[in-house]
Amino acid sequence: MVFGQNNSLPVHAITFNHRSEAMYRALTRDPESPYVKKALSTGLESVRMLRPDTPDSVRRMLCSMHNQYHEGTGETWLALLDKAEELMEAWDAKNNGPGGSGLTTRHKEYDTCLERFLFKEKQATAWGGSLNFFKSTTILNNYLTKFAVKDEVRRFCNERMNFADFKLVNRPGQNGGLGLW
């Protein structure tokens, strides 16, 4: 977990999100509950606190590394939007940069080269090796960005959705995952 600004609460969960979010919800709903009081006095177990200035890249790496051991809730569709955007920026830089092939989407080798870049070179496993799934994610991200609603959608979802729900995680073929796709 990462402390908020000035080492204060609320904290931001990197892993064990379900535990911390449940604690905050319980505290808001019923601060006098004996269970809430006990949890507040004993704290959450096995939690490491990071400084608020911990770089985002370190936070993402820690989250990904931790989820490799217990799978966590997997990548949320919001995280997939961000990852797809990062990967497309990297692809555009490679494809259109110095020494790049400059392929356009109309070129017959474009999909093959993009797929190799994503799943071999960048080892992007979140899409289960499906280029179509990756493209769908990219299209959604592009429209949310084009209409300047991505931040609002993220805020709305973070306030109202439980990302521990198996239907909202990216685990192709497991427990009916990919419920939003």
Protein backbone atom coordinates (compact mmCIF):
# COMPACT_ATOMS: atom_id res chain seq x y z
CA MET A 1 0.00 0.00 0.00
CA VAL A 2 1.06 3.56 -0.58
CA PHE A 3 0.33 6.36 1.85
CA GLY A 4 -1.65 9.32 0.56
CA GLN A 5 -0.05 12.74 0.31
CA ASN A 6 1.94 13.78 3.39
CA ASN A 7 2.00 10.15 4.59
CA SER A 8 -1.70 10.31 5.42
CA LEU A 9 -4.84 8.24 4.98
CA PRO A 10 -6.48 7.09 2.86
CA VAL A 11 -3.84 4.80 1.44
CA HIS A 12 -3.77 3.39 -2.09
CA ALA A 13 -3.62 -0.36 -2.43
CA ILE A 14 -1.16 -1.97 -4.79
CA THR A 15 -2.13 -5.50 -3.83
CA PHE A 16 -4.54 -6.88 -1.24
CA ASN A 17 -6.92 -4.29 -2.64
CA HIS A 18 -9.98 -6.28 -1.62
CA ARG A 19 -8.87 -6.18 2.01
CA SER A 20 -8.16 -2.48 2.17
CA GLU A 21 -11.24 -1.45 0.18
CA ALA A 22 -13.44 -3.61 2.39
CA MET A 23 -11.93 -1.97 5.44
CA TYR A 24 -12.60 1.55 4.15
CA ARG A 25 -16.17 0.62 3.18
CA ALA A 26 -16.86 -0.96 6.55
CA LEU A 27 -15.43 2.05 8.35
CA THR A 28 -17.69 4.38 6.35
CA ARG A 29 -20.82 2.24 6.77
CA ASP A 30 -20.54 1.27 10.42
CA PRO A 31 -17.62 2.81 12.33
CA GLU A 32 -19.05 1.55 15.64
CA SER A 33 -19.08 -2.11 14.58
CA PRO A 34 -17.01 -4.25 16.96
CA TYR A 35 -15.38 -5.93 13.94
CA VAL A 36 -14.37 -2.58 12.45
CA LYS A 37 -13.01 -1.41 15.79
CA LYS A 38 -11.01 -4.62 16.19
CA ALA A 39 -9.58 -4.32 12.67
CA LEU A 40 -8.67 -0.70 13.30
CA SER A 41 -6.88 -1.61 16.52
CA THR A 42 -4.98 -4.58 15.07
CA GLY A 43 -4.55 -3.30 11.52
CA LEU A 44 -4.32 -5.27 8.30
CA GLU A 45 -1.80 -8.08 8.49
CA SER A 46 1.23 -8.48 6.22
CA VAL A 47 0.94 -5.05 4.64
CA ARG A 48 3.99 -3.10 3.51
CA MET A 49 3.65 0.65 3.25
CA LEU A 50 5.43 2.58 0.51
CA ARG A 51 6.14 6.29 0.43
CA PRO A 52 3.75 8.46 -1.59
CA ASP A 53 6.56 9.44 -3.97
CA THR A 54 7.16 5.83 -5.01
CA PRO A 55 7.24 5.97 -8.84
CA ASP A 56 4.20 4.61 -10.67
CA SER A 57 6.43 2.25 -12.64
CA VAL A 58 7.60 0.65 -9.37
CA ARG A 59 4.01 0.38 -8.12
CA ARG A 60 2.86 -1.32 -11.34
CA MET A 61 5.83 -3.69 -11.25
CA LEU A 62 5.13 -4.65 -7.62
CA CYS A 63 1.45 -5.21 -8.35
CA SER A 64 2.20 -7.35 -11.39
CA MET A 65 4.89 -9.32 -9.55
CA HIS A 66 2.62 -9.98 -6.58
CA ASN A 67 -0.27 -11.07 -8.79
CA GLN A 68 1.99 -13.63 -10.45
CA TYR A 69 2.08 -15.56 -7.18
CA HIS A 70 -1.60 -15.56 -6.32
CA GLU A 71 -3.19 -14.15 -9.51
CA GLY A 72 -4.96 -11.43 -7.54
CA THR A 73 -7.98 -10.18 -9.39
CA GLY A 74 -5.99 -10.02 -12.59
CA GLU A 75 -5.92 -6.93 -14.75
CA THR A 76 -9.07 -4.85 -14.65
CA TRP A 77 -10.45 -3.57 -17.91
CA LEU A 78 -9.40 -0.07 -16.84
CA ALA A 79 -5.81 -1.26 -16.43
CA LEU A 80 -6.04 -2.92 -19.84
CA LEU A 81 -7.00 0.40 -21.42
CA ASP A 82 -3.90 2.03 -19.98
CA LYS A 83 -1.63 -0.89 -20.92
CA ALA A 84 -3.01 -0.98 -24.47
CA GLU A 85 -2.32 2.72 -24.83
CA GLU A 86 1.27 2.28 -23.60
CA LEU A 87 1.84 -0.65 -25.95
CA MET A 88 0.44 1.21 -28.97
CA GLU A 89 2.67 4.20 -28.20
CA ALA A 90 5.66 1.84 -28.06
CA TRP A 91 4.55 0.16 -31.30
CA ASP A 92 4.11 3.50 -33.06
CA ALA A 93 7.57 4.61 -31.91
CA LYS A 94 9.15 1.38 -33.17
CA ASN A 95 7.14 1.09 -36.39
CA ASN A 96 7.38 4.75 -37.40
CA GLY A 97 10.71 5.61 -35.79
CA PRO A 98 14.23 5.36 -37.18
CA GLY A 99 14.75 1.93 -38.69
CA GLY A 100 11.04 1.12 -38.42
CA SER A 101 9.10 -0.44 -41.25
CA GLY A 102 6.47 2.32 -41.36
CA LEU A 103 3.73 -0.23 -41.99
CA THR A 104 0.17 1.06 -42.10
CA THR A 105 -2.91 -0.90 -41.05
CA ARG A 106 -3.68 -1.56 -44.73
CA HIS A 107 -0.42 -3.45 -45.25
CA LYS A 108 -0.90 -7.24 -45.29
CA GLU A 109 1.97 -7.76 -42.79
CA TYR A 110 0.79 -5.13 -40.30
CA ASP A 111 -1.19 -7.48 -38.06
CA THR A 112 1.55 -10.12 -38.08
CA CYS A 113 4.20 -7.58 -37.10
CA LEU A 114 2.00 -5.97 -34.45
CA GLU A 115 1.14 -9.38 -32.99
CA ARG A 116 4.80 -10.39 -32.85
CA PHE A 117 5.67 -7.07 -31.19
CA LEU A 118 2.91 -7.37 -28.57
CA PHE A 119 3.06 -11.01 -27.63
CA LYS A 120 6.67 -11.95 -28.33
CA GLU A 121 8.76 -8.82 -27.88
CA LYS A 122 6.66 -7.09 -25.19
CA GLN A 123 5.23 -10.33 -23.74
CA ALA A 124 1.81 -8.75 -23.28
CA THR A 125 -0.03 -11.66 -21.71
CA ALA A 126 -3.12 -9.77 -20.51
CA TRP A 127 -4.97 -10.36 -23.79
CA GLY A 128 -4.41 -14.12 -23.86
CA GLY A 129 -2.56 -13.90 -27.17
CA SER A 130 -5.66 -12.51 -28.93
CA LEU A 131 -4.87 -9.68 -31.32
CA ASN A 132 -8.61 -9.07 -31.78
CA PHE A 133 -9.08 -8.64 -28.03
CA PHE A 134 -6.12 -6.23 -27.96
CA LYS A 135 -7.53 -4.25 -30.90
CA SER A 136 -10.95 -4.04 -29.22
CA THR A 137 -9.31 -2.69 -26.09
CA THR A 138 -7.42 -0.13 -28.16
CA ILE A 139 -10.56 0.98 -30.00
CA LEU A 140 -12.43 1.50 -26.73
CA ASN A 141 -9.48 3.40 -25.27
CA ASN A 142 -9.26 5.60 -28.38
CA TYR A 143 -12.96 6.51 -28.24
CA LEU A 144 -12.91 7.23 -24.51
CA THR A 145 -9.90 9.46 -25.08
CA LYS A 146 -11.31 11.11 -28.23
CA PHE A 147 -14.49 12.11 -26.39
CA ALA A 148 -12.51 13.14 -23.28
CA VAL A 149 -14.48 10.84 -20.96
CA LYS A 150 -11.83 8.30 -19.97
CA ASP A 151 -11.08 9.95 -16.62
CA GLU A 152 -14.79 10.29 -15.85
CA VAL A 153 -15.43 6.63 -16.73
CA ARG A 154 -12.49 5.60 -14.53
CA ARG A 155 -13.77 7.70 -11.63
CA PHE A 156 -17.31 6.34 -12.03
CA CYS A 157 -16.12 2.73 -12.16
CA ASN A 158 -13.73 3.08 -9.24
CA GLU A 159 -16.53 4.54 -7.12
CA ARG A 160 -19.18 1.98 -8.07
CA MET A 161 -17.57 -1.29 -9.16
CA ASN A 162 -16.06 -4.18 -7.27
CA PHE A 163 -13.06 -5.25 -9.31
CA ALA A 164 -12.68 -8.38 -7.20
CA ASP A 165 -15.81 -9.68 -8.94
CA PHE A 166 -14.57 -12.47 -11.22
CA LYS A 167 -16.72 -11.19 -14.09
CA LEU A 168 -14.73 -7.94 -14.22
CA VAL A 169 -11.24 -9.38 -14.48
CA ASN A 170 -9.15 -10.36 -17.42
CA ARG A 171 -8.74 -14.10 -17.19
CA PRO A 172 -9.84 -15.48 -20.53
CA GLY A 173 -11.84 -18.66 -20.19
CA GLN A 174 -11.82 -18.75 -16.38
CA ASN A 175 -15.03 -18.44 -14.39
CA GLY A 176 -16.75 -16.46 -17.09
CA GLY A 177 -14.13 -13.70 -16.94
CA LEU A 178 -14.09 -10.76 -19.32
CA GLY A 179 -17.64 -9.97 -18.30
CA LEU A 180 -17.48 -6.50 -19.81
CA TRP A 181 -16.10 -7.57 -23.14
